[in-house]
Amino acid sequence: MRARLALLLEGLGIAALFASFLASGGKYVLAGAALALIAGAGLLGALRARRERANFWLWYASLLVYAFLYIPLVIVVIFSFNDSKLNAEWVGFTTGWYGRLFADEAMLQAALNSVLIACAAAAIATVLGTMAGIAMHRFRPRILPFLVFTPVAMPEILLGVSLLIFFLNAAQPLLGAVGIEFGLGLATVVIAHVTFCIGFVAIIVRARLAGMDESVFEAARDLGASPWQTFRLVTLPLILPGVVAGALMAFTMSIDDFVITFFASGVGTRTLPLQIYTMIKVAVTPEVNAISALLMALTLGLIVLASRLAPDLMRAGAE
């Protein structure tokens, strides 16, 4: 009973903290009350029996972490409907910022570039990642997993700088020597995105294959099917949900990327993340909140759809 009361107090404290961001007055009072409630909940939970404290602190910390992660996202969505150019306080409800957003030619061009890049990168990464996932499952090579998963684990800024150096110091001189002009632009962004998206597709496809019965493929070969027929008629239909989930995940990672795009894009090449970055250097207006809310909805929707198509996706990511 005491644990439930403590968690209830913590929930009230989180709600008061959320309300302090929207209040037109008394922000500091609400924030102070929120901190007091959260601290009181922790003190009340500390008075429990020693054997029961671990479970309480797990719930207590989880609520704080999720509040820290999701309250800012909810606030961004709410303030995208704020009838004010400032995000200091809530003034009134309006959808005008979304209308202004869809009338912004620079933003629409950046959105088109992002969609084109994401579609191209997802398509190429899906083909290569599917082949890599199948190869890792069937032949279990030692070096291939390292090559596929390294770009996923590598810090984005390091990968971005490495690709920039490669494009300028290796690809550009070599292609220039044979009369092909090559510079930073949409093509280099697509190549950069394919580099780190392949690993996500390969992880999902390999996880999908890991849960299948190998006797199905052996039966197809025993019945006289060629390797291509076995793949086209047996393997591909079985792993298709995983392939689609991998494509959706690759699309999501590509359309959201900022750091690698920042290094791989040339002058005048704008994507949605780069355009948002340019806008927030002046001020965070509700128009920025509006495009962020739409991008957030698209990203979450694709992730949910990918997880539904491949239920083992999250488990594979945890492993």
C-alpha atoms as a PDB file:
ATOM      1  CA  MET A   1       0.000   0.000   0.000  1.00  0.00           C
ATOM      2  CA  ARG A   2       2.823   2.370   0.891  1.00  0.00           C
ATOM      3  CA  ALA A   3       4.575   1.617  -2.393  1.00  0.00           C
ATOM      4  CA  ARG A   4       1.449   2.416  -4.398  1.00  0.00           C
ATOM      5  CA  LEU A   5       1.009   5.667  -2.494  1.00  0.00           C
ATOM      6  CA  ALA A   6       4.634   6.604  -3.174  1.00  0.00           C
ATOM      7  CA  LEU A   7       4.284   5.859  -6.895  1.00  0.00           C
ATOM      8  CA  LEU A   8       1.032   7.843  -6.952  1.00  0.00           C
ATOM      9  CA  LEU A   9       2.837  10.806  -5.400  1.00  0.00           C
ATOM     10  CA  GLU A  10       5.589  10.461  -7.979  1.00  0.00           C
ATOM     11  CA  GLY A  11       3.001  10.401 -10.770  1.00  0.00           C
ATOM     12  CA  LEU A  12       1.386  13.559  -9.387  1.00  0.00           C
ATOM     13  CA  GLY A  13       4.811  15.176  -9.217  1.00  0.00           C
ATOM     14  CA  ILE A  14       5.530  14.313 -12.857  1.00  0.00           C
ATOM     15  CA  ALA A  15       2.102  15.665 -13.869  1.00  0.00           C
ATOM     16  CA  ALA A  16       2.791  18.917 -11.966  1.00  0.00           C
ATOM     17  CA  LEU A  17       6.171  19.200 -13.670  1.00  0.00           C
ATOM     18  CA  PHE A  18       4.490  18.758 -17.049  1.00  0.00           C
ATOM     19  CA  ALA A  19       1.882  21.400 -16.163  1.00  0.00           C
ATOM     20  CA  SER A  20       4.613  23.872 -15.213  1.00  0.00           C
ATOM     21  CA  PHE A  21       5.753  23.985 -18.843  1.00  0.00           C
ATOM     22  CA  LEU A  22       2.270  24.967 -20.013  1.00  0.00           C
ATOM     23  CA  ALA A  23       1.270  27.346 -17.217  1.00  0.00           C
ATOM     24  CA  SER A  24       1.138  31.045 -18.019  1.00  0.00           C
ATOM     25  CA  GLY A  25       1.896  31.920 -14.402  1.00  0.00           C
ATOM     26  CA  GLY A  26       3.238  30.184 -11.336  1.00  0.00           C
ATOM     27  CA  LYS A  27       5.716  28.088 -13.262  1.00  0.00           C
ATOM     28  CA  TYR A  28       8.237  28.025 -10.452  1.00  0.00           C
ATOM     29  CA  VAL A  29       5.561  27.195  -7.873  1.00  0.00           C
ATOM     30  CA  LEU A  30       4.398  24.195  -9.892  1.00  0.00           C
ATOM     31  CA  ALA A  31       7.976  23.081 -10.569  1.00  0.00           C
ATOM     32  CA  GLY A  32       8.826  23.345  -6.865  1.00  0.00           C
ATOM     33  CA  ALA A  33       5.707  21.390  -5.900  1.00  0.00           C
ATOM     34  CA  ALA A  34       6.587  18.736  -8.488  1.00  0.00           C
ATOM     35  CA  LEU A  35      10.101  18.292  -7.107  1.00  0.00           C
ATOM     36  CA  ALA A  36       8.737  18.134  -3.563  1.00  0.00           C
ATOM     37  CA  LEU A  37       6.246  15.413  -4.522  1.00  0.00           C
ATOM     38  CA  ILE A  38       8.894  13.385  -6.336  1.00  0.00           C
ATOM     39  CA  ALA A  39      11.300  13.697  -3.390  1.00  0.00           C
ATOM     40  CA  GLY A  40       8.517  12.792  -0.944  1.00  0.00           C
ATOM     41  CA  ALA A  41       7.685   9.706  -2.996  1.00  0.00           C
ATOM     42  CA  GLY A  42      11.315   8.608  -2.848  1.00  0.00           C
ATOM     43  CA  LEU A  43      11.430   9.167   0.912  1.00  0.00           C
ATOM     44  CA  LEU A  44       8.199   7.226   1.430  1.00  0.00           C
ATOM     45  CA  GLY A  45       9.511   4.352  -0.659  1.00  0.00           C
ATOM     46  CA  ALA A  46      12.769   4.292   1.293  1.00  0.00           C
ATOM     47  CA  LEU A  47      10.788   3.510   4.457  1.00  0.00           C
ATOM     48  CA  ARG A  48       9.669   0.152   3.065  1.00  0.00           C
ATOM     49  CA  ALA A  49      11.139  -3.161   4.134  1.00  0.00           C
ATOM     50  CA  ARG A  50      14.610  -3.812   2.759  1.00  0.00           C
ATOM     51  CA  ARG A  51      13.540  -6.815   0.671  1.00  0.00           C
ATOM     52  CA  GLU A  52      10.841  -4.726  -1.040  1.00  0.00           C
ATOM     53  CA  ARG A  53      12.958  -1.667  -1.799  1.00  0.00           C
ATOM     54  CA  ALA A  54      14.573  -3.027  -4.959  1.00  0.00           C
ATOM     55  CA  ASN A  55      11.241  -3.469  -6.717  1.00  0.00           C
ATOM     56  CA  PHE A  56      10.091   0.007  -5.664  1.00  0.00           C
ATOM     57  CA  TRP A  57      13.264   1.760  -6.783  1.00  0.00           C
ATOM     58  CA  LEU A  58      12.994   0.002 -10.142  1.00  0.00           C
ATOM     59  CA  TRP A  59       9.510   1.454 -10.694  1.00  0.00           C
ATOM     60  CA  TYR A  60      10.535   4.816  -9.263  1.00  0.00           C
ATOM     61  CA  ALA A  61      13.548   5.156 -11.561  1.00  0.00           C
ATOM     62  CA  SER A  62      11.609   3.865 -14.581  1.00  0.00           C
ATOM     63  CA  LEU A  63       8.907   6.515 -14.176  1.00  0.00           C
ATOM     64  CA  LEU A  64      11.516   9.267 -13.937  1.00  0.00           C
ATOM     65  CA  VAL A  65      13.419   8.026 -16.989  1.00  0.00           C
ATOM     66  CA  TYR A  66      10.301   7.721 -19.142  1.00  0.00           C
ATOM     67  CA  ALA A  67       9.110  11.136 -17.994  1.00  0.00           C
ATOM     68  CA  PHE A  68      12.499  12.604 -18.917  1.00  0.00           C
ATOM     69  CA  LEU A  69      12.307  10.994 -22.370  1.00  0.00           C
ATOM     70  CA  TYR A  70       8.711  11.640 -23.343  1.00  0.00           C
ATOM     71  CA  ILE A  71       7.600  14.881 -21.641  1.00  0.00           C
ATOM     72  CA  PRO A  72       9.745  17.013 -24.015  1.00  0.00           C
ATOM     73  CA  LEU A  73       8.267  15.190 -27.023  1.00  0.00           C
ATOM     74  CA  VAL A  74       4.706  15.782 -25.837  1.00  0.00           C
ATOM     75  CA  ILE A  75       5.487  19.450 -25.174  1.00  0.00           C
ATOM     76  CA  VAL A  76       6.847  19.866 -28.713  1.00  0.00           C
ATOM     77  CA  VAL A  77       3.593  18.472 -30.140  1.00  0.00           C
ATOM     78  CA  ILE A  78       1.417  20.642 -27.885  1.00  0.00           C
ATOM     79  CA  PHE A  79       3.303  23.860 -28.643  1.00  0.00           C
ATOM     80  CA  SER A  80       2.997  23.201 -32.377  1.00  0.00           C
ATOM     81  CA  PHE A  81      -0.640  24.278 -31.862  1.00  0.00           C
ATOM     82  CA  ASN A  82       0.256  27.323 -29.769  1.00  0.00           C
ATOM     83  CA  ASP A  83      -1.103  30.637 -31.078  1.00  0.00           C
ATOM     84  CA  SER A  84       2.139  32.501 -30.385  1.00  0.00           C
ATOM     85  CA  LYS A  85       5.545  32.884 -32.003  1.00  0.00           C
ATOM     86  CA  LEU A  86       7.190  32.219 -28.652  1.00  0.00           C
ATOM     87  CA  ASN A  87       7.313  28.928 -26.798  1.00  0.00           C
ATOM     88  CA  ALA A  88       7.430  30.637 -23.411  1.00  0.00           C
ATOM     89  CA  GLU A  89       3.803  29.979 -22.479  1.00  0.00           C
ATOM     90  CA  TRP A  90       0.538  28.632 -23.855  1.00  0.00           C
ATOM     91  CA  VAL A  91      -1.622  31.360 -25.422  1.00  0.00           C
ATOM     92  CA  GLY A  92      -4.302  29.587 -27.412  1.00  0.00           C
ATOM     93  CA  PHE A  93      -5.055  26.822 -29.894  1.00  0.00           C
ATOM     94  CA  THR A  94      -4.383  27.203 -33.616  1.00  0.00           C
ATOM     95  CA  THR A  95      -3.506  25.050 -36.612  1.00  0.00           C
ATOM     96  CA  GLY A  96      -2.085  28.003 -38.518  1.00  0.00           C
ATOM     97  CA  TRP A  97       1.502  26.900 -38.089  1.00  0.00           C
ATOM     98  CA  TYR A  98       0.816  23.719 -40.053  1.00  0.00           C
ATOM     99  CA  GLY A  99      -0.709  25.786 -42.876  1.00  0.00           C
ATOM    100  CA  ARG A 100       2.317  28.047 -42.855  1.00  0.00           C
ATOM    101  CA  LEU A 101       4.563  24.995 -42.871  1.00  0.00           C
ATOM    102  CA  PHE A 102       2.963  23.543 -46.007  1.00  0.00           C
ATOM    103  CA  ALA A 103       3.322  26.918 -47.742  1.00  0.00           C
ATOM    104  CA  ASP A 104       7.076  27.073 -47.059  1.00  0.00           C
ATOM    105  CA  GLU A 105       8.827  26.140 -50.321  1.00  0.00           C
ATOM    106  CA  ALA A 106      12.226  25.645 -48.698  1.00  0.00           C
ATOM    107  CA  MET A 107      10.733  23.240 -46.162  1.00  0.00           C
ATOM    108  CA  LEU A 108       8.798  21.336 -48.836  1.00  0.00           C
ATOM    109  CA  GLN A 109      11.962  20.973 -50.958  1.00  0.00           C
ATOM    110  CA  ALA A 110      13.886  19.729 -47.928  1.00  0.00           C
ATOM    111  CA  ALA A 111      11.088  17.234 -47.194  1.00  0.00           C
ATOM    112  CA  LEU A 112      11.140  16.022 -50.809  1.00  0.00           C
ATOM    113  CA  ASN A 113      14.921  15.568 -50.660  1.00  0.00           C
ATOM    114  CA  SER A 114      14.609  13.604 -47.410  1.00  0.00           C
ATOM    115  CA  VAL A 115      11.939  11.312 -48.842  1.00  0.00           C
ATOM    116  CA  LEU A 116      13.910  10.676 -52.051  1.00  0.00           C
ATOM    117  CA  ILE A 117      17.102   9.950 -50.106  1.00  0.00           C
ATOM    118  CA  ALA A 118      15.281   7.709 -47.630  1.00  0.00           C
ATOM    119  CA  CYS A 119      13.524   5.740 -50.395  1.00  0.00           C
ATOM    120  CA  ALA A 120      16.731   5.206 -52.366  1.00  0.00           C
ATOM    121  CA  ALA A 121      18.805   4.334 -49.303  1.00  0.00           C
ATOM    122  CA  ALA A 122      16.124   1.987 -47.953  1.00  0.00           C
ATOM    123  CA  ALA A 123      15.763   0.180 -51.297  1.00  0.00           C
ATOM    124  CA  ILE A 124      19.509  -0.385 -51.737  1.00  0.00           C
ATOM    125  CA  ALA A 125      20.093  -1.227 -48.076  1.00  0.00           C
ATOM    126  CA  THR A 126      17.195  -3.701 -48.105  1.00  0.00           C
ATOM    127  CA  VAL A 127      18.655  -5.659 -51.016  1.00  0.00           C
ATOM    128  CA  LEU A 128      22.212  -5.685 -49.644  1.00  0.00           C
ATOM    129  CA  GLY A 129      21.112  -6.181 -46.021  1.00  0.00           C
ATOM    130  CA  THR A 130      18.876  -9.118 -46.945  1.00  0.00           C
ATOM    131  CA  MET A 131      21.728 -10.819 -48.770  1.00  0.00           C
ATOM    132  CA  ALA A 132      24.052 -10.151 -45.821  1.00  0.00           C
ATOM    133  CA  GLY A 133      21.516 -11.521 -43.328  1.00  0.00           C
ATOM    134  CA  ILE A 134      21.024 -14.706 -45.333  1.00  0.00           C
ATOM    135  CA  ALA A 135      24.772 -15.163 -45.780  1.00  0.00           C
ATOM    136  CA  MET A 136      25.436 -14.701 -42.045  1.00  0.00           C
ATOM    137  CA  HIS A 137      22.730 -17.220 -41.152  1.00  0.00           C
ATOM    138  CA  ARG A 138      23.653 -19.941 -43.625  1.00  0.00           C
ATOM    139  CA  PHE A 139      27.417 -19.711 -43.993  1.00  0.00           C
ATOM    140  CA  ARG A 140      28.303 -18.080 -40.650  1.00  0.00           C
ATOM    141  CA  PRO A 141      31.396 -16.192 -41.926  1.00  0.00           C
ATOM    142  CA  ARG A 142      33.651 -14.591 -39.351  1.00  0.00           C
ATOM    143  CA  ILE A 143      34.466 -11.305 -41.061  1.00  0.00           C
ATOM    144  CA  LEU A 144      31.070 -10.431 -42.587  1.00  0.00           C
ATOM    145  CA  PRO A 145      29.238  -9.672 -39.292  1.00  0.00           C
ATOM    146  CA  PHE A 146      32.088  -7.352 -38.328  1.00  0.00           C
ATOM    147  CA  LEU A 147      31.866  -5.499 -41.647  1.00  0.00           C
ATOM    148  CA  VAL A 148      28.060  -5.233 -41.542  1.00  0.00           C
ATOM    149  CA  PHE A 149      27.583  -4.257 -37.897  1.00  0.00           C
ATOM    150  CA  THR A 150      30.547  -1.904 -37.457  1.00  0.00           C
ATOM    151  CA  PRO A 151      28.793   1.090 -39.114  1.00  0.00           C
ATOM    152  CA  VAL A 152      25.817   0.525 -36.784  1.00  0.00           C
ATOM    153  CA  ALA A 153      27.944   0.534 -33.637  1.00  0.00           C
ATOM    154  CA  MET A 154      30.345   3.253 -34.765  1.00  0.00           C
ATOM    155  CA  PRO A 155      29.688   6.804 -33.436  1.00  0.00           C
ATOM    156  CA  GLU A 156      27.854   8.794 -36.084  1.00  0.00           C
ATOM    157  CA  ILE A 157      30.289  11.701 -36.040  1.00  0.00           C
ATOM    158  CA  LEU A 158      33.215   9.335 -36.656  1.00  0.00           C
ATOM    159  CA  LEU A 159      31.381   7.633 -39.511  1.00  0.00           C
ATOM    160  CA  GLY A 160      30.409  10.998 -40.991  1.00  0.00           C
ATOM    161  CA  VAL A 161      33.969  12.343 -40.912  1.00  0.00           C
ATOM    162  CA  SER A 162      35.311   9.081 -42.374  1.00  0.00           C
ATOM    163  CA  LEU A 163      32.854   9.195 -45.262  1.00  0.00           C
ATOM    164  CA  LEU A 164      33.618  12.868 -45.905  1.00  0.00           C
ATOM    165  CA  ILE A 165      37.342  12.121 -46.118  1.00  0.00           C
ATOM    166  CA  PHE A 166      36.652   9.169 -48.423  1.00  0.00           C
ATOM    167  CA  PHE A 167      34.453  11.211 -50.769  1.00  0.00           C
ATOM    168  CA  LEU A 168      36.868  14.158 -51.014  1.00  0.00           C
ATOM    169  CA  ASN A 169      40.260  12.419 -50.900  1.00  0.00           C
ATOM    170  CA  ALA A 170      39.545   9.107 -52.628  1.00  0.00           C
ATOM    171  CA  ALA A 171      36.318   8.995 -54.664  1.00  0.00           C
ATOM    172  CA  GLN A 172      36.534  12.492 -56.135  1.00  0.00           C
ATOM    173  CA  PRO A 173      40.145  12.223 -57.462  1.00  0.00           C
ATOM    174  CA  LEU A 174      39.638   8.681 -58.816  1.00  0.00           C
ATOM    175  CA  LEU A 175      36.422   9.502 -60.644  1.00  0.00           C
ATOM    176  CA  GLY A 176      37.868  12.815 -61.837  1.00  0.00           C
ATOM    177  CA  ALA A 177      40.785  10.937 -63.405  1.00  0.00           C
ATOM    178  CA  VAL A 178      38.362   9.130 -65.737  1.00  0.00           C
ATOM    179  CA  GLY A 179      36.383  12.269 -66.564  1.00  0.00           C
ATOM    180  CA  ILE A 180      33.478  11.795 -64.130  1.00  0.00           C
ATOM    181  CA  GLU A 181      32.550  14.816 -62.066  1.00  0.00           C
ATOM    182  CA  PHE A 182      31.857  13.904 -58.471  1.00  0.00           C
ATOM    183  CA  GLY A 183      30.965  16.161 -55.583  1.00  0.00           C
ATOM    184  CA  LEU A 184      29.039  16.203 -52.368  1.00  0.00           C
ATOM    185  CA  GLY A 185      25.277  16.148 -52.895  1.00  0.00           C
ATOM    186  CA  LEU A 186      22.244  13.899 -52.803  1.00  0.00           C
ATOM    187  CA  ALA A 187      24.200  10.942 -54.225  1.00  0.00           C
ATOM    188  CA  THR A 188      26.817  11.051 -51.458  1.00  0.00           C
ATOM    189  CA  VAL A 189      24.089  11.316 -48.818  1.00  0.00           C
ATOM    190  CA  VAL A 190      22.395   8.206 -50.249  1.00  0.00           C
ATOM    191  CA  ILE A 191      25.697   6.295 -50.204  1.00  0.00           C
ATOM    192  CA  ALA A 192      26.345   7.377 -46.618  1.00  0.00           C
ATOM    193  CA  HIS A 193      22.864   6.327 -45.499  1.00  0.00           C
ATOM    194  CA  VAL A 194      23.148   2.952 -47.209  1.00  0.00           C
ATOM    195  CA  THR A 195      26.363   2.369 -45.282  1.00  0.00           C
ATOM    196  CA  PHE A 196      24.716   2.393 -41.861  1.00  0.00           C
ATOM    197  CA  CYS A 197      21.257   1.138 -42.907  1.00  0.00           C
ATOM    198  CA  ILE A 198      22.546  -2.211 -44.217  1.00  0.00           C
ATOM    199  CA  GLY A 199      23.306  -3.358 -40.679  1.00  0.00           C
ATOM    200  CA  PHE A 200      19.759  -2.725 -39.430  1.00  0.00           C
ATOM    201  CA  VAL A 201      18.239  -4.729 -42.293  1.00  0.00           C
ATOM    202  CA  ALA A 202      20.734  -7.578 -41.831  1.00  0.00           C
ATOM    203  CA  ILE A 203      19.968  -7.813 -38.100  1.00  0.00           C
ATOM    204  CA  ILE A 204      16.220  -8.098 -38.725  1.00  0.00           C
ATOM    205  CA  VAL A 205      16.524 -10.613 -41.574  1.00  0.00           C
ATOM    206  CA  ARG A 206      18.952 -12.807 -39.642  1.00  0.00           C
ATOM    207  CA  ALA A 207      16.638 -12.733 -36.607  1.00  0.00           C
ATOM    208  CA  ARG A 208      13.759 -13.787 -38.856  1.00  0.00           C
ATOM    209  CA  LEU A 209      15.770 -16.685 -40.298  1.00  0.00           C
ATOM    210  CA  ALA A 210      16.934 -17.813 -36.859  1.00  0.00           C
ATOM    211  CA  GLY A 211      13.388 -18.796 -35.889  1.00  0.00           C
ATOM    212  CA  MET A 212      12.741 -20.954 -38.960  1.00  0.00           C
ATOM    213  CA  ASP A 213      13.006 -24.696 -39.438  1.00  0.00           C
ATOM    214  CA  GLU A 214      15.919 -25.544 -41.744  1.00  0.00           C
ATOM    215  CA  SER A 215      14.133 -28.718 -42.862  1.00  0.00           C
ATOM    216  CA  VAL A 216      11.804 -26.550 -44.992  1.00  0.00           C
ATOM    217  CA  PHE A 217      14.700 -25.450 -47.187  1.00  0.00           C
ATOM    218  CA  GLU A 218      16.164 -28.965 -47.285  1.00  0.00           C
ATOM    219  CA  ALA A 219      12.796 -30.351 -48.403  1.00  0.00           C
ATOM    220  CA  ALA A 220      12.664 -27.857 -51.270  1.00  0.00           C
ATOM    221  CA  ARG A 221      16.124 -28.914 -52.432  1.00  0.00           C
ATOM    222  CA  ASP A 222      15.203 -32.614 -52.115  1.00  0.00           C
ATOM    223  CA  LEU A 223      12.204 -32.008 -54.381  1.00  0.00           C
ATOM    224  CA  GLY A 224      14.525 -30.733 -57.101  1.00  0.00           C
ATOM    225  CA  ALA A 225      14.310 -26.986 -56.597  1.00  0.00           C
ATOM    226  CA  SER A 226      17.349 -25.004 -57.682  1.00  0.00           C
ATOM    227  CA  PRO A 227      18.968 -22.561 -55.237  1.00  0.00           C
ATOM    228  CA  TRP A 228      17.218 -19.649 -56.988  1.00  0.00           C
ATOM    229  CA  GLN A 229      13.850 -21.433 -56.910  1.00  0.00           C
ATOM    230  CA  THR A 230      14.330 -22.264 -53.236  1.00  0.00           C
ATOM    231  CA  PHE A 231      15.026 -18.628 -52.459  1.00  0.00           C
ATOM    232  CA  ARG A 232      12.201 -17.244 -54.637  1.00  0.00           C
ATOM    233  CA  LEU A 233       9.478 -19.720 -53.700  1.00  0.00           C
ATOM    234  CA  VAL A 234      10.392 -20.680 -50.113  1.00  0.00           C
ATOM    235  CA  THR A 235      12.919 -18.417 -48.426  1.00  0.00           C
ATOM    236  CA  LEU A 236      11.695 -15.027 -49.628  1.00  0.00           C
ATOM    237  CA  PRO A 237       7.996 -15.543 -48.772  1.00  0.00           C
ATOM    238  CA  LEU A 238       8.968 -16.708 -45.281  1.00  0.00           C
ATOM    239  CA  ILE A 239      11.323 -13.819 -44.547  1.00  0.00           C
ATOM    240  CA  LEU A 240       9.250 -11.184 -46.387  1.00  0.00           C
ATOM    241  CA  PRO A 241       7.789  -9.670 -43.171  1.00  0.00           C
ATOM    242  CA  GLY A 242      11.333  -9.271 -41.871  1.00  0.00           C
ATOM    243  CA  VAL A 243      12.511  -7.769 -45.151  1.00  0.00           C
ATOM    244  CA  VAL A 244       9.652  -5.246 -45.130  1.00  0.00           C
ATOM    245  CA  ALA A 245      10.320  -4.449 -41.476  1.00  0.00           C
ATOM    246  CA  GLY A 246      13.993  -3.912 -42.301  1.00  0.00           C
ATOM    247  CA  ALA A 247      13.074  -1.604 -45.188  1.00  0.00           C
ATOM    248  CA  LEU A 248      10.801   0.439 -42.906  1.00  0.00           C
ATOM    249  CA  MET A 249      13.515   0.658 -40.266  1.00  0.00           C
ATOM    250  CA  ALA A 250      16.088   1.721 -42.870  1.00  0.00           C
ATOM    251  CA  PHE A 251      13.685   4.373 -44.179  1.00  0.00           C
ATOM    252  CA  THR A 252      13.121   5.641 -40.636  1.00  0.00           C
ATOM    253  CA  MET A 253      16.822   5.813 -39.797  1.00  0.00           C
ATOM    254  CA  SER A 254      17.595   7.584 -43.083  1.00  0.00           C
ATOM    255  CA  ILE A 255      14.873  10.235 -42.951  1.00  0.00           C
ATOM    256  CA  ASP A 256      15.785  11.104 -39.343  1.00  0.00           C
ATOM    257  CA  ASP A 257      19.559  11.254 -39.711  1.00  0.00           C
ATOM    258  CA  PHE A 258      21.337  14.542 -39.116  1.00  0.00           C
ATOM    259  CA  VAL A 259      24.976  13.978 -38.146  1.00  0.00           C
ATOM    260  CA  ILE A 260      26.066  11.817 -41.086  1.00  0.00           C
ATOM    261  CA  THR A 261      23.956  13.878 -43.504  1.00  0.00           C
ATOM    262  CA  PHE A 262      25.630  17.035 -42.239  1.00  0.00           C
ATOM    263  CA  PHE A 263      29.046  15.732 -43.305  1.00  0.00           C
ATOM    264  CA  ALA A 264      28.005  13.947 -46.512  1.00  0.00           C
ATOM    265  CA  SER A 265      25.814  16.689 -48.027  1.00  0.00           C
ATOM    266  CA  GLY A 266      27.229  19.456 -50.168  1.00  0.00           C
ATOM    267  CA  VAL A 267      26.462  23.163 -50.333  1.00  0.00           C
ATOM    268  CA  GLY A 268      22.799  23.705 -51.179  1.00  0.00           C
ATOM    269  CA  THR A 269      21.743  20.146 -50.352  1.00  0.00           C
ATOM    270  CA  ARG A 270      19.019  20.380 -47.736  1.00  0.00           C
ATOM    271  CA  THR A 271      17.175  17.616 -45.933  1.00  0.00           C
ATOM    272  CA  LEU A 272      14.506  17.975 -43.259  1.00  0.00           C
ATOM    273  CA  PRO A 273      16.888  17.555 -40.287  1.00  0.00           C
ATOM    274  CA  LEU A 274      19.330  20.067 -41.807  1.00  0.00           C
ATOM    275  CA  GLN A 275      16.518  22.527 -42.522  1.00  0.00           C
ATOM    276  CA  ILE A 276      15.225  22.231 -38.953  1.00  0.00           C
ATOM    277  CA  TYR A 277      18.745  22.820 -37.643  1.00  0.00           C
ATOM    278  CA  THR A 278      19.005  25.969 -39.764  1.00  0.00           C
ATOM    279  CA  MET A 279      15.704  27.251 -38.412  1.00  0.00           C
ATOM    280  CA  ILE A 280      16.412  26.644 -34.721  1.00  0.00           C
ATOM    281  CA  LYS A 281      19.675  28.613 -34.914  1.00  0.00           C
ATOM    282  CA  VAL A 282      17.451  31.710 -35.057  1.00  0.00           C
ATOM    283  CA  ALA A 283      14.637  30.644 -32.712  1.00  0.00           C
ATOM    284  CA  VAL A 284      12.494  27.628 -31.915  1.00  0.00           C
ATOM    285  CA  THR A 285       9.169  28.742 -33.396  1.00  0.00           C
ATOM    286  CA  PRO A 286       5.910  26.753 -33.474  1.00  0.00           C
ATOM    287  CA  GLU A 287       6.664  26.080 -37.151  1.00  0.00           C
ATOM    288  CA  VAL A 288       9.703  24.086 -36.031  1.00  0.00           C
ATOM    289  CA  ASN A 289       7.490  22.310 -33.501  1.00  0.00           C
ATOM    290  CA  ALA A 290       4.988  21.508 -36.262  1.00  0.00           C
ATOM    291  CA  ILE A 291       7.520  19.872 -38.582  1.00  0.00           C
ATOM    292  CA  SER A 292       9.077  18.079 -35.607  1.00  0.00           C
ATOM    293  CA  ALA A 293       5.662  16.724 -34.607  1.00  0.00           C
ATOM    294  CA  LEU A 294       4.997  15.439 -38.143  1.00  0.00           C
ATOM    295  CA  LEU A 295       8.444  13.865 -38.377  1.00  0.00           C
ATOM    296  CA  MET A 296       7.959  12.293 -34.947  1.00  0.00           C
ATOM    297  CA  ALA A 297       4.586  10.837 -35.956  1.00  0.00           C
ATOM    298  CA  LEU A 298       6.054   9.395 -39.168  1.00  0.00           C
ATOM    299  CA  THR A 299       9.020   7.877 -37.339  1.00  0.00           C
ATOM    300  CA  LEU A 300       6.958   6.311 -34.543  1.00  0.00           C
ATOM    301  CA  GLY A 301       4.408   5.007 -37.034  1.00  0.00           C
ATOM    302  CA  LEU A 302       7.048   3.278 -39.141  1.00  0.00           C
ATOM    303  CA  ILE A 303       8.753   1.784 -36.081  1.00  0.00           C
ATOM    304  CA  VAL A 304       5.444   0.410 -34.765  1.00  0.00           C
ATOM    305  CA  LEU A 305       4.619  -1.034 -38.194  1.00  0.00           C
ATOM    306  CA  ALA A 306       8.078  -2.616 -38.456  1.00  0.00           C
ATOM    307  CA  SER A 307       7.768  -4.168 -34.994  1.00  0.00           C
ATOM    308  CA  ARG A 308       4.341  -5.592 -35.916  1.00  0.00           C
ATOM    309  CA  LEU A 309       5.685  -7.120 -39.120  1.00  0.00           C
ATOM    310  CA  ALA A 310       8.708  -8.582 -37.299  1.00  0.00           C
ATOM    311  CA  PRO A 311       7.812  -9.215 -33.620  1.00  0.00           C
ATOM    312  CA  ASP A 312      11.327 -10.511 -32.955  1.00  0.00           C
ATOM    313  CA  LEU A 313      12.796  -7.157 -34.070  1.00  0.00           C
ATOM    314  CA  MET A 314      13.024  -5.677 -30.571  1.00  0.00           C
ATOM    315  CA  ARG A 315      14.465  -8.876 -29.135  1.00  0.00           C
ATOM    316  CA  ALA A 316      17.111  -8.945 -31.851  1.00  0.00           C
ATOM    317  CA  GLY A 317      17.976  -5.319 -31.171  1.00  0.00           C
ATOM    318  CA  ALA A 318      18.371  -6.056 -27.457  1.00  0.00           C
ATOM    319  CA  GLU A 319      20.698  -8.912 -28.217  1.00  0.00           C
END
